[in-house]
């Protein structure tokens, strides 16, 4: 399952993007923060209950200018959305991303710094467990 190129990457946490990307310049692009949030959200199984209401970028724009970012989203959609409809897949991806963003924001507010090396290590440890689970599931399907 891949998402339609017209799919809009959105967030329910525009204030976090404004603070971390625009004001503090901890990320050069909103899509970078989105992908980190998505990775953390999936690795820690964090989903947001908030409704995304702030547009970030359409996938079609990533296709032409930032293909690596689109490829990451496509791979995640292929892995995690194998058995669900496109609309549900998009909602799930946005929910995981916002869940990760909310986690990052809580960490940032508590420490007043963004400790990306620690977050990366935590996420990496969780991804090893996730990849083993996914491999087991894929073997069952074949």
C-alpha atoms as a PDB file:
ATOM      1  CA  UNK A   1       0.000   0.000   0.000  1.00  0.00           C
ATOM      2  CA  UNK A   2       1.442   3.347  -0.969  1.00  0.00           C
ATOM      3  CA  UNK A   3      -0.152   6.696  -0.399  1.00  0.00           C
ATOM      4  CA  UNK A   4      -1.497   8.776  -3.260  1.00  0.00           C
ATOM      5  CA  UNK A   5       0.935  11.493  -4.372  1.00  0.00           C
ATOM      6  CA  UNK A   6      -1.698  14.122  -3.555  1.00  0.00           C
ATOM      7  CA  UNK A   7      -1.729  13.006   0.092  1.00  0.00           C
ATOM      8  CA  UNK A   8      -1.098  15.972   2.395  1.00  0.00           C
ATOM      9  CA  UNK A   9       1.330  15.569   5.269  1.00  0.00           C
ATOM     10  CA  UNK A  10      -0.378  17.370   8.162  1.00  0.00           C
ATOM     11  CA  UNK A  11      -0.013  17.869  11.885  1.00  0.00           C
ATOM     12  CA  UNK A  12      -2.121  18.722  14.901  1.00  0.00           C
ATOM     13  CA  UNK A  13       0.936  20.286  16.546  1.00  0.00           C
ATOM     14  CA  UNK A  14       1.725  23.360  14.466  1.00  0.00           C
ATOM     15  CA  UNK A  15       2.983  25.224  17.557  1.00  0.00           C
ATOM     16  CA  UNK A  16       5.698  22.600  18.029  1.00  0.00           C
ATOM     17  CA  UNK A  17       6.800  22.914  14.412  1.00  0.00           C
ATOM     18  CA  UNK A  18       6.830  26.699  14.746  1.00  0.00           C
ATOM     19  CA  UNK A  19       8.999  26.562  17.875  1.00  0.00           C
ATOM     20  CA  UNK A  20      11.444  23.835  16.829  1.00  0.00           C
ATOM     21  CA  UNK A  21      11.739  24.567  13.091  1.00  0.00           C
ATOM     22  CA  UNK A  22      10.981  28.249  12.567  1.00  0.00           C
ATOM     23  CA  UNK A  23      12.051  29.859  15.843  1.00  0.00           C
ATOM     24  CA  UNK A  24      14.762  27.596  17.318  1.00  0.00           C
ATOM     25  CA  UNK A  25      15.919  26.302  13.906  1.00  0.00           C
ATOM     26  CA  UNK A  26      16.633  22.832  15.300  1.00  0.00           C
ATOM     27  CA  UNK A  27      15.454  21.395  11.970  1.00  0.00           C
ATOM     28  CA  UNK A  28      15.839  22.947   8.541  1.00  0.00           C
ATOM     29  CA  UNK A  29      12.504  21.634   7.243  1.00  0.00           C
ATOM     30  CA  UNK A  30       9.163  20.688   8.767  1.00  0.00           C
ATOM     31  CA  UNK A  31       9.281  17.349   6.946  1.00  0.00           C
ATOM     32  CA  UNK A  32      12.453  16.445   8.871  1.00  0.00           C
ATOM     33  CA  UNK A  33      10.694  16.940  12.205  1.00  0.00           C
ATOM     34  CA  UNK A  34       7.702  15.020  10.832  1.00  0.00           C
ATOM     35  CA  UNK A  35       9.867  11.999   9.927  1.00  0.00           C
ATOM     36  CA  UNK A  36      11.613  11.988  13.293  1.00  0.00           C
ATOM     37  CA  UNK A  37       8.224  12.184  14.986  1.00  0.00           C
ATOM     38  CA  UNK A  38       6.963   9.353  12.775  1.00  0.00           C
ATOM     39  CA  UNK A  39       9.946   7.148  13.642  1.00  0.00           C
ATOM     40  CA  UNK A  40       9.601   7.782  17.360  1.00  0.00           C
ATOM     41  CA  UNK A  41       5.825   7.366  17.233  1.00  0.00           C
ATOM     42  CA  UNK A  42       6.095   3.984  15.540  1.00  0.00           C
ATOM     43  CA  UNK A  43       9.030   2.775  17.654  1.00  0.00           C
ATOM     44  CA  UNK A  44       7.320   3.714  20.924  1.00  0.00           C
ATOM     45  CA  UNK A  45       3.802   2.918  19.670  1.00  0.00           C
ATOM     46  CA  UNK A  46       2.644   6.471  20.353  1.00  0.00           C
ATOM     47  CA  UNK A  47      -0.435   7.751  18.543  1.00  0.00           C
ATOM     48  CA  UNK A  48      -2.004  11.151  18.919  1.00  0.00           C
ATOM     49  CA  UNK A  49      -5.732  11.563  19.392  1.00  0.00           C
ATOM     50  CA  UNK A  50      -5.607  15.103  18.024  1.00  0.00           C
ATOM     51  CA  UNK A  51      -6.995  15.855  14.572  1.00  0.00           C
ATOM     52  CA  UNK A  52      -4.348  17.150  12.125  1.00  0.00           C
ATOM     53  CA  UNK A  53      -5.264  20.649  10.992  1.00  0.00           C
ATOM     54  CA  UNK A  54      -2.022  22.194   9.742  1.00  0.00           C
ATOM     55  CA  UNK A  55      -0.679  21.375   6.278  1.00  0.00           C
ATOM     56  CA  UNK A  56       3.038  20.633   5.937  1.00  0.00           C
ATOM     57  CA  UNK A  57       3.625  19.358   2.383  1.00  0.00           C
ATOM     58  CA  UNK A  58       2.066  17.164  -0.306  1.00  0.00           C
ATOM     59  CA  UNK A  59       3.830  13.934  -1.207  1.00  0.00           C
ATOM     60  CA  UNK A  60       4.015  15.017  -4.852  1.00  0.00           C
ATOM     61  CA  UNK A  61       6.304  17.904  -3.851  1.00  0.00           C
ATOM     62  CA  UNK A  62       8.570  15.492  -2.015  1.00  0.00           C
ATOM     63  CA  UNK A  63       8.682  13.325  -5.156  1.00  0.00           C
ATOM     64  CA  UNK A  64      10.348  16.069  -7.153  1.00  0.00           C
ATOM     65  CA  UNK A  65      12.450  17.875  -4.557  1.00  0.00           C
ATOM     66  CA  UNK A  66      13.038  15.637  -1.550  1.00  0.00           C
ATOM     67  CA  UNK A  67      12.666  12.100  -2.877  1.00  0.00           C
ATOM     68  CA  UNK A  68      14.502  10.437   0.015  1.00  0.00           C
ATOM     69  CA  UNK A  69      11.871  11.738   2.443  1.00  0.00           C
ATOM     70  CA  UNK A  70       9.053  10.435   0.231  1.00  0.00           C
ATOM     71  CA  UNK A  71      10.813   7.078  -0.063  1.00  0.00           C
ATOM     72  CA  UNK A  72      10.910   6.765   3.734  1.00  0.00           C
ATOM     73  CA  UNK A  73       7.185   7.486   3.970  1.00  0.00           C
ATOM     74  CA  UNK A  74       6.480   5.021   1.143  1.00  0.00           C
ATOM     75  CA  UNK A  75       8.455   2.249   2.864  1.00  0.00           C
ATOM     76  CA  UNK A  76       6.651   2.859   6.153  1.00  0.00           C
ATOM     77  CA  UNK A  77       3.290   2.796   4.361  1.00  0.00           C
ATOM     78  CA  UNK A  78       4.206  -0.449   2.567  1.00  0.00           C
ATOM     79  CA  UNK A  79       5.220  -2.125   5.831  1.00  0.00           C
ATOM     80  CA  UNK A  80       2.547  -0.885   8.213  1.00  0.00           C
ATOM     81  CA  UNK A  81      -0.412  -0.519   5.858  1.00  0.00           C
ATOM     82  CA  UNK A  82      -0.355  -3.831   4.014  1.00  0.00           C
ATOM     83  CA  UNK A  83      -3.898  -4.795   4.969  1.00  0.00           C
ATOM     84  CA  UNK A  84      -5.699  -1.465   5.321  1.00  0.00           C
ATOM     85  CA  UNK A  85      -7.254   1.134   3.021  1.00  0.00           C
ATOM     86  CA  UNK A  86      -5.323   4.191   1.864  1.00  0.00           C
ATOM     87  CA  UNK A  87      -7.354   6.675   3.936  1.00  0.00           C
ATOM     88  CA  UNK A  88      -6.860   4.652   7.085  1.00  0.00           C
ATOM     89  CA  UNK A  89      -3.158   4.293   6.282  1.00  0.00           C
ATOM     90  CA  UNK A  90      -2.735   8.054   5.915  1.00  0.00           C
ATOM     91  CA  UNK A  91      -4.558   8.713   9.172  1.00  0.00           C
ATOM     92  CA  UNK A  92      -2.438   6.131  10.966  1.00  0.00           C
ATOM     93  CA  UNK A  93       0.818   7.636   9.670  1.00  0.00           C
ATOM     94  CA  UNK A  94      -0.243  11.134  10.723  1.00  0.00           C
ATOM     95  CA  UNK A  95      -1.320   9.825  14.142  1.00  0.00           C
ATOM     96  CA  UNK A  96       2.024   8.107  14.747  1.00  0.00           C
ATOM     97  CA  UNK A  97       3.926  11.201  13.610  1.00  0.00           C
ATOM     98  CA  UNK A  98       1.951  13.471  15.923  1.00  0.00           C
ATOM     99  CA  UNK A  99       2.357  10.966  18.767  1.00  0.00           C
ATOM    100  CA  UNK A 100       6.118  11.143  18.281  1.00  0.00           C
ATOM    101  CA  UNK A 101       6.035  14.937  17.981  1.00  0.00           C
ATOM    102  CA  UNK A 102       4.111  15.186  21.267  1.00  0.00           C
ATOM    103  CA  UNK A 103       6.725  12.963  22.926  1.00  0.00           C
ATOM    104  CA  UNK A 104       9.558  15.113  21.539  1.00  0.00           C
ATOM    105  CA  UNK A 105       7.764  18.252  22.745  1.00  0.00           C
ATOM    106  CA  UNK A 106       7.285  16.897  26.273  1.00  0.00           C
ATOM    107  CA  UNK A 107      10.980  15.985  26.394  1.00  0.00           C
ATOM    108  CA  UNK A 108      11.957  19.413  25.090  1.00  0.00           C
ATOM    109  CA  UNK A 109       9.780  21.254  27.611  1.00  0.00           C
ATOM    110  CA  UNK A 110      11.100  19.160  30.495  1.00  0.00           C
ATOM    111  CA  UNK A 111      14.784  19.621  29.602  1.00  0.00           C
ATOM    112  CA  UNK A 112      14.742  22.835  27.532  1.00  0.00           C
ATOM    113  CA  UNK A 113      17.022  21.048  25.075  1.00  0.00           C
ATOM    114  CA  UNK A 114      16.346  18.478  22.415  1.00  0.00           C
ATOM    115  CA  UNK A 115      18.509  15.475  23.238  1.00  0.00           C
ATOM    116  CA  UNK A 116      18.397  13.841  19.799  1.00  0.00           C
ATOM    117  CA  UNK A 117      21.241  11.361  20.447  1.00  0.00           C
ATOM    118  CA  UNK A 118      19.338   9.897  23.412  1.00  0.00           C
ATOM    119  CA  UNK A 119      16.041   9.838  21.521  1.00  0.00           C
ATOM    120  CA  UNK A 120      17.809   8.201  18.585  1.00  0.00           C
ATOM    121  CA  UNK A 121      19.267   5.475  20.794  1.00  0.00           C
ATOM    122  CA  UNK A 122      15.906   4.776  22.446  1.00  0.00           C
ATOM    123  CA  UNK A 123      14.237   4.608  19.059  1.00  0.00           C
ATOM    124  CA  UNK A 124      16.949   2.398  17.598  1.00  0.00           C
ATOM    125  CA  UNK A 125      16.531  -0.084  20.441  1.00  0.00           C
ATOM    126  CA  UNK A 126      12.780  -0.207  19.841  1.00  0.00           C
ATOM    127  CA  UNK A 127      13.202  -0.539  16.052  1.00  0.00           C
ATOM    128  CA  UNK A 128      15.201  -3.732  16.527  1.00  0.00           C
ATOM    129  CA  UNK A 129      12.220  -5.281  18.320  1.00  0.00           C
ATOM    130  CA  UNK A 130       9.796  -3.950  15.711  1.00  0.00           C
ATOM    131  CA  UNK A 131      11.858  -5.296  12.801  1.00  0.00           C
ATOM    132  CA  UNK A 132      12.013  -8.760  14.366  1.00  0.00           C
ATOM    133  CA  UNK A 133       8.231  -8.744  14.828  1.00  0.00           C
ATOM    134  CA  UNK A 134       7.693  -7.597  11.230  1.00  0.00           C
ATOM    135  CA  UNK A 135       9.998 -10.283   9.843  1.00  0.00           C
ATOM    136  CA  UNK A 136       8.103 -12.944  11.793  1.00  0.00           C
ATOM    137  CA  UNK A 137       4.763 -11.625  10.471  1.00  0.00           C
ATOM    138  CA  UNK A 138       6.002 -11.498   6.889  1.00  0.00           C
ATOM    139  CA  UNK A 139       7.238 -15.089   7.099  1.00  0.00           C
ATOM    140  CA  UNK A 140       3.789 -16.188   8.300  1.00  0.00           C
ATOM    141  CA  UNK A 141       2.147 -14.544   5.268  1.00  0.00           C
ATOM    142  CA  UNK A 142       4.416 -16.335   2.786  1.00  0.00           C
END
